[in-house]
Amino acid sequence: MSNIIQINFNDLLLGSSIVVLLLGCIQFLLANWIRTRLEQSIRHEYDKKLEDYRFSQVQRQKADMIATFFAKWIKYRGKERDFLDDKELINYYEELNKMSLEISLWINDGEILTDIMSRTQLKDGAGDVWSITGKVRKLILDTKNDSFDSQNITIWPNEEGIAKLFNLERKKEARKSKKGK
């Protein structure tokens, strides 16, 4: 005799319903998984962009700190006692010390840090402000192949202006002669 499988309508309907239900569940799970993966991918991309933006903001702050430090340091060209009274001098040095300490804490390149500190201590053979600024620029921008020539940075006053502004001996003599008259 032959084995014949007999399926009635109720069994067929029940089996079809189970298959449709299983396929629906699988489709629902796959759709949720794809949606979740897509959301995570988008979130990751935006988180990365936000992190890059925050890092660039920190870079700008650090660059501003170094620029301010050098600008303050070269402002009086070593003749701050001739321009500032004792209280102003204390505040001036306090500001320079604060910036110097902050810079020493975040610059991770020992050579550049040594160059900065050697320049501000007026050590022999120390690099000039332009070359040090160029090195810091490369560090902050994280590039070794920067085509910008740091010698093109403009610092005021120019040499002639410095001579006129800081020729204090002549100014002192002029003051003495005015008092003598």
N, C-alpha and C. Protein backbone atom coordinates (compact mmCIF):
# COMPACT_ATOMS: atom_id res chain seq x y z
N MET A 1 0.81 -1.17 0.00
CA MET A 1 0.00 0.00 0.00
C MET A 1 0.86 1.24 0.00
N SER A 2 0.31 2.21 -0.48
CA SER A 2 1.07 3.45 -0.56
C SER A 2 0.73 4.35 0.62
N ASN A 3 1.77 4.98 1.02
CA ASN A 3 1.56 5.93 2.12
C ASN A 3 1.17 7.28 1.53
N ILE A 4 0.00 7.61 1.72
CA ILE A 4 -0.51 8.87 1.21
C ILE A 4 -0.72 9.80 2.41
N ILE A 5 -0.19 10.97 2.23
CA ILE A 5 -0.35 11.96 3.29
C ILE A 5 -1.60 12.75 2.96
N GLN A 6 -2.43 12.79 3.90
CA GLN A 6 -3.66 13.53 3.70
C GLN A 6 -3.64 14.78 4.59
N ILE A 7 -3.89 15.87 3.96
CA ILE A 7 -3.92 17.13 4.69
C ILE A 7 -5.29 17.73 4.45
N ASN A 8 -5.90 18.08 5.56
CA ASN A 8 -7.19 18.72 5.38
C ASN A 8 -7.01 20.24 5.33
N PHE A 9 -8.05 20.90 5.07
CA PHE A 9 -8.00 22.34 4.88
C PHE A 9 -7.54 23.07 6.14
N ASN A 10 -7.98 22.64 7.29
CA ASN A 10 -7.60 23.28 8.56
C ASN A 10 -6.10 23.15 8.80
N ASP A 11 -5.53 21.96 8.51
CA ASP A 11 -4.09 21.77 8.69
C ASP A 11 -3.30 22.67 7.72
N LEU A 12 -3.79 22.74 6.50
CA LEU A 12 -3.12 23.59 5.51
C LEU A 12 -3.18 25.06 5.93
N LEU A 13 -4.31 25.50 6.40
CA LEU A 13 -4.46 26.88 6.85
C LEU A 13 -3.57 27.15 8.07
N LEU A 14 -3.50 26.24 9.00
CA LEU A 14 -2.68 26.40 10.19
C LEU A 14 -1.19 26.43 9.82
N GLY A 15 -0.76 25.54 8.96
CA GLY A 15 0.64 25.50 8.52
C GLY A 15 1.02 26.77 7.78
N SER A 16 0.16 27.21 6.90
CA SER A 16 0.43 28.44 6.14
C SER A 16 0.48 29.64 7.08
N SER A 17 -0.38 29.67 8.04
CA SER A 17 -0.40 30.77 9.00
C SER A 17 0.89 30.80 9.81
N ILE A 18 1.38 29.65 10.21
CA ILE A 18 2.62 29.57 10.98
C ILE A 18 3.79 30.05 10.12
N VAL A 19 3.87 29.63 8.86
CA VAL A 19 4.94 30.05 7.97
C VAL A 19 4.89 31.56 7.76
N VAL A 20 3.71 32.10 7.50
CA VAL A 20 3.56 33.54 7.30
C VAL A 20 3.96 34.30 8.57
N LEU A 21 3.53 33.78 9.72
CA LEU A 21 3.87 34.41 10.99
C LEU A 21 5.38 34.38 11.22
N LEU A 22 6.04 33.26 10.96
CA LEU A 22 7.49 33.14 11.11
C LEU A 22 8.21 34.09 10.15
N LEU A 23 7.77 34.13 8.91
CA LEU A 23 8.39 35.04 7.94
C LEU A 23 8.19 36.50 8.35
N GLY A 24 7.04 36.82 8.88
CA GLY A 24 6.77 38.18 9.37
C GLY A 24 7.68 38.54 10.53
N CYS A 25 7.88 37.60 11.45
CA CYS A 25 8.77 37.83 12.59
C CYS A 25 10.21 38.01 12.10
N ILE A 26 10.63 37.17 11.17
CA ILE A 26 11.98 37.29 10.63
C ILE A 26 12.16 38.63 9.92
N GLN A 27 11.17 39.03 9.15
CA GLN A 27 11.23 40.32 8.46
C GLN A 27 11.29 41.47 9.47
N PHE A 28 10.48 41.40 10.52
CA PHE A 28 10.46 42.44 11.55
C PHE A 28 11.83 42.53 12.24
N LEU A 29 12.39 41.39 12.60
CA LEU A 29 13.69 41.36 13.27
C LEU A 29 14.80 41.89 12.34
N LEU A 30 14.79 41.49 11.09
CA LEU A 30 15.78 41.98 10.14
C LEU A 30 15.65 43.49 9.92
N ALA A 31 14.43 43.98 9.81
CA ALA A 31 14.21 45.41 9.61
C ALA A 31 14.72 46.19 10.82
N ASN A 32 14.44 45.71 12.03
CA ASN A 32 14.93 46.38 13.24
C ASN A 32 16.45 46.34 13.32
N TRP A 33 17.03 45.22 12.96
CA TRP A 33 18.48 45.09 13.00
C TRP A 33 19.14 46.05 12.01
N ILE A 34 18.61 46.11 10.80
CA ILE A 34 19.15 47.01 9.77
C ILE A 34 18.98 48.47 10.21
N ARG A 35 17.80 48.80 10.74
CA ARG A 35 17.55 50.17 11.20
C ARG A 35 18.51 50.55 12.33
N THR A 36 18.69 49.64 13.28
CA THR A 36 19.60 49.90 14.41
C THR A 36 21.03 50.08 13.92
N ARG A 37 21.47 49.23 13.03
CA ARG A 37 22.83 49.35 12.48
C ARG A 37 23.00 50.67 11.74
N LEU A 38 22.02 51.06 10.97
CA LEU A 38 22.07 52.32 10.24
C LEU A 38 22.12 53.51 11.20
N GLU A 39 21.27 53.48 12.24
CA GLU A 39 21.28 54.56 13.23
C GLU A 39 22.63 54.64 13.94
N GLN A 40 23.19 53.50 14.31
CA GLN A 40 24.49 53.49 14.98
C GLN A 40 25.59 54.01 14.06
N SER A 41 25.51 53.65 12.80
CA SER A 41 26.50 54.12 11.84
C SER A 41 26.43 55.64 11.70
N ILE A 42 25.22 56.16 11.58
CA ILE A 42 25.04 57.61 11.46
C ILE A 42 25.48 58.30 12.74
N ARG A 43 25.11 57.76 13.90
CA ARG A 43 25.51 58.34 15.18
C ARG A 43 27.04 58.35 15.30
N HIS A 44 27.65 57.25 14.90
CA HIS A 44 29.11 57.18 14.96
C HIS A 44 29.75 58.25 14.08
N GLU A 45 29.21 58.43 12.89
CA GLU A 45 29.75 59.44 11.97
C GLU A 45 29.63 60.84 12.56
N TYR A 46 28.47 61.17 13.14
CA TYR A 46 28.29 62.49 13.74
C TYR A 46 29.12 62.65 15.00
N ASP A 47 29.26 61.60 15.79
CA ASP A 47 30.12 61.66 16.98
C ASP A 47 31.56 61.93 16.58
N LYS A 48 32.01 61.30 15.50
CA LYS A 48 33.37 61.51 15.02
C LYS A 48 33.55 62.96 14.55
N LYS A 49 32.56 63.48 13.83
CA LYS A 49 32.64 64.87 13.37
C LYS A 49 32.63 65.83 14.56
N LEU A 50 31.83 65.54 15.57
CA LEU A 50 31.78 66.38 16.76
C LEU A 50 33.12 66.34 17.50
N GLU A 51 33.70 65.17 17.60
CA GLU A 51 35.01 65.02 18.23
C GLU A 51 36.08 65.79 17.46
N ASP A 52 36.06 65.70 16.14
CA ASP A 52 37.01 66.44 15.32
C ASP A 52 36.83 67.95 15.50
N TYR A 53 35.58 68.39 15.58
CA TYR A 53 35.30 69.81 15.78
C TYR A 53 35.83 70.27 17.14
N ARG A 54 35.56 69.49 18.17
CA ARG A 54 36.04 69.85 19.50
C ARG A 54 37.57 69.88 19.54
N PHE A 55 38.20 68.93 18.87
CA PHE A 55 39.65 68.90 18.82
C PHE A 55 40.19 70.13 18.11
N SER A 56 39.54 70.53 17.02
CA SER A 56 40.00 71.73 16.31
C SER A 56 39.82 72.98 17.18
N GLN A 57 38.77 73.01 18.00
CA GLN A 57 38.59 74.13 18.91
C GLN A 57 39.71 74.18 19.94
N VAL A 58 40.08 73.01 20.47
CA VAL A 58 41.18 72.94 21.44
C VAL A 58 42.48 73.37 20.77
N GLN A 59 42.69 72.94 19.53
CA GLN A 59 43.90 73.34 18.80
C GLN A 59 43.96 74.86 18.67
N ARG A 60 42.84 75.47 18.33
CA ARG A 60 42.81 76.93 18.19
C ARG A 60 43.13 77.62 19.52
N GLN A 61 42.59 77.06 20.61
CA GLN A 61 42.88 77.64 21.91
C GLN A 61 44.36 77.53 22.26
N LYS A 62 44.95 76.40 21.94
CA LYS A 62 46.37 76.20 22.23
C LYS A 62 47.22 77.13 21.37
N ALA A 63 46.85 77.27 20.11
CA ALA A 63 47.58 78.18 19.23
C ALA A 63 47.46 79.61 19.74
N ASP A 64 46.27 79.98 20.19
CA ASP A 64 46.05 81.31 20.73
C ASP A 64 46.91 81.53 21.97
N MET A 65 47.03 80.50 22.80
CA MET A 65 47.83 80.62 24.01
C MET A 65 49.30 80.87 23.67
N ILE A 66 49.83 80.14 22.71
CA ILE A 66 51.24 80.32 22.33
C ILE A 66 51.44 81.69 21.69
N ALA A 67 50.52 82.09 20.84
CA ALA A 67 50.63 83.41 20.20
C ALA A 67 50.59 84.51 21.25
N THR A 68 49.69 84.39 22.21
CA THR A 68 49.59 85.38 23.28
C THR A 68 50.86 85.40 24.12
N PHE A 69 51.38 84.21 24.40
CA PHE A 69 52.61 84.09 25.19
C PHE A 69 53.77 84.81 24.51
N PHE A 70 53.98 84.50 23.24
CA PHE A 70 55.08 85.15 22.52
C PHE A 70 54.85 86.65 22.38
N ALA A 71 53.60 87.05 22.11
CA ALA A 71 53.31 88.48 21.95
C ALA A 71 53.59 89.24 23.25
N LYS A 72 53.17 88.67 24.37
CA LYS A 72 53.45 89.32 25.65
C LYS A 72 54.94 89.33 25.95
N TRP A 73 55.59 88.23 25.66
CA TRP A 73 57.01 88.12 25.98
C TRP A 73 57.85 89.11 25.17
N ILE A 74 57.52 89.29 23.90
CA ILE A 74 58.33 90.20 23.07
C ILE A 74 57.85 91.64 23.13
N LYS A 75 56.77 91.88 23.83
CA LYS A 75 56.18 93.22 23.88
C LYS A 75 57.19 94.28 24.31
N TYR A 76 57.94 94.02 25.36
CA TYR A 76 58.87 95.02 25.89
C TYR A 76 60.32 94.75 25.51
N ARG A 77 60.56 93.68 24.79
CA ARG A 77 61.90 93.36 24.28
C ARG A 77 62.96 93.35 25.40
N GLY A 78 62.56 92.83 26.56
CA GLY A 78 63.49 92.73 27.68
C GLY A 78 63.66 94.03 28.45
N LYS A 79 62.88 95.03 28.13
CA LYS A 79 63.00 96.33 28.79
C LYS A 79 61.72 96.67 29.57
N GLU A 80 61.06 95.64 30.08
CA GLU A 80 59.80 95.85 30.79
C GLU A 80 59.96 96.74 32.03
N ARG A 81 61.11 96.72 32.67
CA ARG A 81 61.35 97.56 33.86
C ARG A 81 61.30 99.05 33.49
N ASP A 82 61.62 99.37 32.26
CA ASP A 82 61.60 100.77 31.82
C ASP A 82 60.18 101.26 31.54
N PHE A 83 59.24 100.34 31.36
CA PHE A 83 57.88 100.72 31.00
C PHE A 83 56.86 100.48 32.10
N LEU A 84 57.13 99.55 32.99
CA LEU A 84 56.14 99.13 33.98
C LEU A 84 56.58 99.48 35.39
N ASP A 85 55.60 99.84 36.21
CA ASP A 85 55.92 100.03 37.63
C ASP A 85 55.96 98.66 38.30
N ASP A 86 56.28 98.61 39.57
CA ASP A 86 56.47 97.33 40.25
C ASP A 86 55.23 96.44 40.23
N LYS A 87 54.06 97.02 40.48
CA LYS A 87 52.82 96.24 40.49
C LYS A 87 52.52 95.67 39.09
N GLU A 88 52.67 96.50 38.08
CA GLU A 88 52.45 96.04 36.69
C GLU A 88 53.46 94.97 36.31
N LEU A 89 54.67 95.13 36.77
CA LEU A 89 55.73 94.16 36.48
C LEU A 89 55.41 92.80 37.12
N ILE A 90 54.91 92.83 38.35
CA ILE A 90 54.51 91.58 39.03
C ILE A 90 53.41 90.89 38.24
N ASN A 91 52.40 91.65 37.83
CA ASN A 91 51.30 91.07 37.05
C ASN A 91 51.77 90.54 35.70
N TYR A 92 52.66 91.28 35.07
CA TYR A 92 53.22 90.87 33.77
C TYR A 92 53.95 89.54 33.91
N TYR A 93 54.80 89.43 34.91
CA TYR A 93 55.54 88.19 35.11
C TYR A 93 54.62 87.04 35.52
N GLU A 94 53.60 87.35 36.30
CA GLU A 94 52.66 86.31 36.70
C GLU A 94 51.95 85.74 35.47
N GLU A 95 51.52 86.60 34.58
CA GLU A 95 50.88 86.15 33.35
C GLU A 95 51.81 85.29 32.50
N LEU A 96 53.04 85.77 32.33
CA LEU A 96 54.02 85.00 31.55
C LEU A 96 54.29 83.65 32.19
N ASN A 97 54.43 83.62 33.52
CA ASN A 97 54.67 82.35 34.21
C ASN A 97 53.50 81.39 34.04
N LYS A 98 52.29 81.89 34.16
CA LYS A 98 51.11 81.04 34.00
C LYS A 98 51.09 80.42 32.60
N MET A 99 51.31 81.26 31.59
CA MET A 99 51.30 80.75 30.22
C MET A 99 52.46 79.79 29.98
N SER A 100 53.61 80.09 30.52
CA SER A 100 54.77 79.21 30.34
C SER A 100 54.50 77.84 30.95
N LEU A 101 53.92 77.83 32.14
CA LEU A 101 53.60 76.56 32.79
C LEU A 101 52.52 75.78 32.02
N GLU A 102 51.50 76.48 31.56
CA GLU A 102 50.45 75.81 30.78
C GLU A 102 51.02 75.20 29.51
N ILE A 103 51.85 75.94 28.82
CA ILE A 103 52.45 75.44 27.58
C ILE A 103 53.29 74.21 27.88
N SER A 104 54.04 74.26 28.99
CA SER A 104 54.89 73.10 29.31
C SER A 104 54.07 71.87 29.66
N LEU A 105 52.82 72.06 30.04
CA LEU A 105 51.97 70.91 30.39
C LEU A 105 51.32 70.25 29.18
N TRP A 106 51.06 70.98 28.12
CA TRP A 106 50.32 70.36 27.01
C TRP A 106 51.15 70.09 25.77
N ILE A 107 52.29 70.75 25.58
CA ILE A 107 53.09 70.45 24.39
C ILE A 107 53.79 69.11 24.61
N ASN A 108 53.50 68.16 23.75
CA ASN A 108 54.06 66.82 23.93
C ASN A 108 55.35 66.60 23.16
N ASP A 109 55.80 67.59 22.44
CA ASP A 109 57.05 67.49 21.69
C ASP A 109 58.15 68.17 22.50
N GLY A 110 59.05 67.36 23.06
CA GLY A 110 60.10 67.89 23.93
C GLY A 110 61.02 68.87 23.24
N GLU A 111 61.31 68.64 21.97
CA GLU A 111 62.21 69.53 21.22
C GLU A 111 61.60 70.93 21.07
N ILE A 112 60.32 70.97 20.71
CA ILE A 112 59.65 72.27 20.55
C ILE A 112 59.55 72.98 21.90
N LEU A 113 59.21 72.24 22.94
CA LEU A 113 59.11 72.83 24.27
C LEU A 113 60.45 73.40 24.71
N THR A 114 61.52 72.65 24.46
CA THR A 114 62.86 73.13 24.79
C THR A 114 63.19 74.39 23.99
N ASP A 115 62.82 74.42 22.71
CA ASP A 115 63.05 75.62 21.88
C ASP A 115 62.32 76.84 22.45
N ILE A 116 61.07 76.64 22.84
CA ILE A 116 60.28 77.75 23.38
C ILE A 116 60.92 78.28 24.66
N MET A 117 61.23 77.37 25.56
CA MET A 117 61.79 77.79 26.84
C MET A 117 63.20 78.38 26.67
N SER A 118 64.00 77.84 25.76
CA SER A 118 65.33 78.39 25.50
C SER A 118 65.22 79.81 24.94
N ARG A 119 64.26 80.02 24.04
CA ARG A 119 64.07 81.36 23.46
C ARG A 119 63.68 82.36 24.53
N THR A 120 62.75 81.98 25.39
CA THR A 120 62.28 82.93 26.40
C THR A 120 63.31 83.14 27.51
N GLN A 121 64.23 82.21 27.64
CA GLN A 121 65.32 82.38 28.61
C GLN A 121 66.55 83.04 27.97
N LEU A 122 66.42 83.39 26.70
CA LEU A 122 67.48 84.07 25.94
C LEU A 122 68.79 83.28 25.91
N LYS A 123 68.66 81.97 25.83
CA LYS A 123 69.85 81.12 25.77
C LYS A 123 70.51 81.24 24.40
N ASP A 124 71.83 81.10 24.40
CA ASP A 124 72.58 81.13 23.14
C ASP A 124 72.14 79.98 22.24
N GLY A 125 72.00 80.26 20.98
CA GLY A 125 71.64 79.23 20.01
C GLY A 125 70.14 78.92 19.96
N ALA A 126 69.36 79.63 20.77
CA ALA A 126 67.91 79.39 20.76
C ALA A 126 67.34 79.88 19.43
N GLY A 127 66.35 79.18 18.92
CA GLY A 127 65.70 79.58 17.67
C GLY A 127 64.95 80.88 17.83
N ASP A 128 64.67 81.53 16.72
CA ASP A 128 63.92 82.78 16.79
C ASP A 128 62.42 82.48 16.90
N VAL A 129 61.66 83.50 17.23
CA VAL A 129 60.21 83.35 17.43
C VAL A 129 59.55 82.81 16.17
N TRP A 130 60.01 83.22 14.99
CA TRP A 130 59.40 82.78 13.73
C TRP A 130 59.56 81.28 13.53
N SER A 131 60.78 80.78 13.69
CA SER A 131 61.00 79.34 13.45
C SER A 131 60.28 78.50 14.49
N ILE A 132 60.26 78.96 15.74
CA ILE A 132 59.55 78.21 16.78
C ILE A 132 58.06 78.20 16.50
N THR A 133 57.52 79.34 16.07
CA THR A 133 56.10 79.41 15.73
C THR A 133 55.79 78.46 14.57
N GLY A 134 56.69 78.38 13.60
CA GLY A 134 56.50 77.44 12.49
C GLY A 134 56.47 76.00 12.97
N LYS A 135 57.34 75.66 13.92
CA LYS A 135 57.35 74.29 14.47
C LYS A 135 56.05 74.00 15.24
N VAL A 136 55.60 74.98 16.01
CA VAL A 136 54.36 74.80 16.76
C VAL A 136 53.19 74.67 15.80
N ARG A 137 53.22 75.44 14.73
CA ARG A 137 52.16 75.35 13.70
C ARG A 137 52.08 73.93 13.15
N LYS A 138 53.22 73.34 12.84
CA LYS A 138 53.24 71.96 12.33
C LYS A 138 52.73 70.99 13.37
N LEU A 139 53.07 71.22 14.63
CA LEU A 139 52.60 70.34 15.70
C LEU A 139 51.09 70.43 15.86
N ILE A 140 50.57 71.65 15.90
CA ILE A 140 49.13 71.83 16.10
C ILE A 140 48.33 71.34 14.90
N LEU A 141 48.82 71.64 13.70
CA LEU A 141 48.11 71.20 12.50
C LEU A 141 48.37 69.74 12.18
N ASP A 142 49.30 69.13 12.90
CA ASP A 142 49.65 67.72 12.72
C ASP A 142 50.07 67.43 11.28
N THR A 143 50.98 68.27 10.79
CA THR A 143 51.49 68.08 9.44
C THR A 143 53.00 68.31 9.43
N LYS A 144 53.70 67.50 8.72
CA LYS A 144 55.15 67.66 8.58
C LYS A 144 55.50 68.43 7.32
N ASN A 145 54.62 68.39 6.34
CA ASN A 145 54.89 69.01 5.04
C ASN A 145 54.13 70.32 4.89
N ASP A 146 54.34 71.24 5.81
CA ASP A 146 53.69 72.53 5.74
C ASP A 146 54.51 73.44 4.83
N SER A 147 53.89 73.97 3.80
CA SER A 147 54.63 74.78 2.83
C SER A 147 54.78 76.24 3.27
N PHE A 148 54.11 76.62 4.36
CA PHE A 148 54.19 78.01 4.83
C PHE A 148 55.57 78.28 5.42
N ASP A 149 56.18 79.38 5.00
CA ASP A 149 57.48 79.79 5.52
C ASP A 149 57.23 80.70 6.72
N SER A 150 57.61 80.22 7.89
CA SER A 150 57.32 80.96 9.12
C SER A 150 58.05 82.31 9.17
N GLN A 151 59.05 82.50 8.35
CA GLN A 151 59.75 83.79 8.32
C GLN A 151 58.85 84.88 7.72
N ASN A 152 57.73 84.49 7.12
CA ASN A 152 56.78 85.47 6.57
C ASN A 152 55.81 85.99 7.62
N ILE A 153 55.91 85.51 8.84
CA ILE A 153 55.06 86.02 9.91
C ILE A 153 55.49 87.46 10.21
N THR A 154 54.51 88.34 10.30
CA THR A 154 54.81 89.74 10.57
C THR A 154 54.69 90.01 12.06
N ILE A 155 55.70 90.65 12.60
CA ILE A 155 55.70 91.06 14.00
C ILE A 155 55.99 92.56 14.02
N TRP A 156 55.16 93.30 14.79
CA TRP A 156 55.32 94.75 14.89
C TRP A 156 55.97 95.12 16.20
N PRO A 157 56.65 96.18 16.29
CA PRO A 157 57.08 97.05 15.21
C PRO A 157 58.25 96.43 14.46
N ASN A 158 58.53 97.01 13.29
CA ASN A 158 59.68 96.52 12.51
C ASN A 158 60.97 96.99 13.20
N GLU A 159 62.10 96.62 12.65
CA GLU A 159 63.39 96.94 13.29
C GLU A 159 63.58 98.44 13.50
N GLU A 160 63.17 99.23 12.54
CA GLU A 160 63.30 100.69 12.67
C GLU A 160 62.41 101.20 13.80
N GLY A 161 61.20 100.66 13.86
CA GLY A 161 60.27 101.06 14.92
C GLY A 161 60.77 100.64 16.29
N ILE A 162 61.40 99.48 16.34
CA ILE A 162 61.97 99.01 17.61
C ILE A 162 63.07 99.97 18.07
N ALA A 163 63.92 100.35 17.15
CA ALA A 163 65.02 101.26 17.49
C ALA A 163 64.48 102.58 18.03
N LYS A 164 63.44 103.11 17.41
CA LYS A 164 62.86 104.37 17.86
C LYS A 164 62.17 104.21 19.21
N LEU A 165 61.41 103.13 19.33
CA LEU A 165 60.61 102.91 20.53
C LEU A 165 61.48 102.56 21.73
N PHE A 166 62.49 101.77 21.51
CA PHE A 166 63.27 101.26 22.62
C PHE A 166 64.61 101.97 22.81
N ASN A 167 64.81 103.05 22.15
CA ASN A 167 66.03 103.82 22.35
C ASN A 167 65.85 104.66 23.61
N LEU A 168 65.84 103.98 24.71
CA LEU A 168 65.51 104.61 25.98
C LEU A 168 66.62 105.53 26.49
N GLU A 169 67.85 105.24 26.13
CA GLU A 169 68.95 106.10 26.57
C GLU A 169 68.74 107.52 26.07
N ARG A 170 68.38 107.63 24.81
CA ARG A 170 68.14 108.95 24.23
C ARG A 170 66.94 109.61 24.92
N LYS A 171 65.91 108.82 25.24
CA LYS A 171 64.74 109.37 25.91
C LYS A 171 65.08 109.86 27.31
N LYS A 172 65.90 109.08 28.02
CA LYS A 172 66.30 109.48 29.37
C LYS A 172 67.12 110.77 29.33
N GLU A 173 68.02 110.86 28.37
CA GLU A 173 68.84 112.07 28.23
C GLU A 173 67.96 113.27 27.91
N ALA A 174 66.96 113.06 27.06
CA ALA A 174 66.05 114.16 26.72
C ALA A 174 65.27 114.60 27.96
N ARG A 175 64.85 113.67 28.78
CA ARG A 175 64.12 114.01 30.00
C ARG A 175 65.03 114.79 30.97
N LYS A 176 66.28 114.34 31.08
CA LYS A 176 67.23 115.02 31.97
C LYS A 176 67.48 116.45 31.49
N SER A 177 67.64 116.62 30.19
CA SER A 177 67.91 117.97 29.67
C SER A 177 66.70 118.89 29.86
N LYS A 178 65.49 118.33 29.79
CA LYS A 178 64.29 119.15 30.03
C LYS A 178 64.22 119.58 31.49
N LYS A 179 64.61 118.68 32.37
CA LYS A 179 64.58 119.02 33.80
C LYS A 179 65.64 120.06 34.15
N GLY A 180 66.80 119.97 33.43
CA GLY A 180 67.92 120.89 33.67
C GLY A 180 67.62 122.31 33.21
N LYS A 181 66.73 122.50 32.27
CA LYS A 181 66.43 123.84 31.70
C LYS A 181 65.53 124.63 32.55
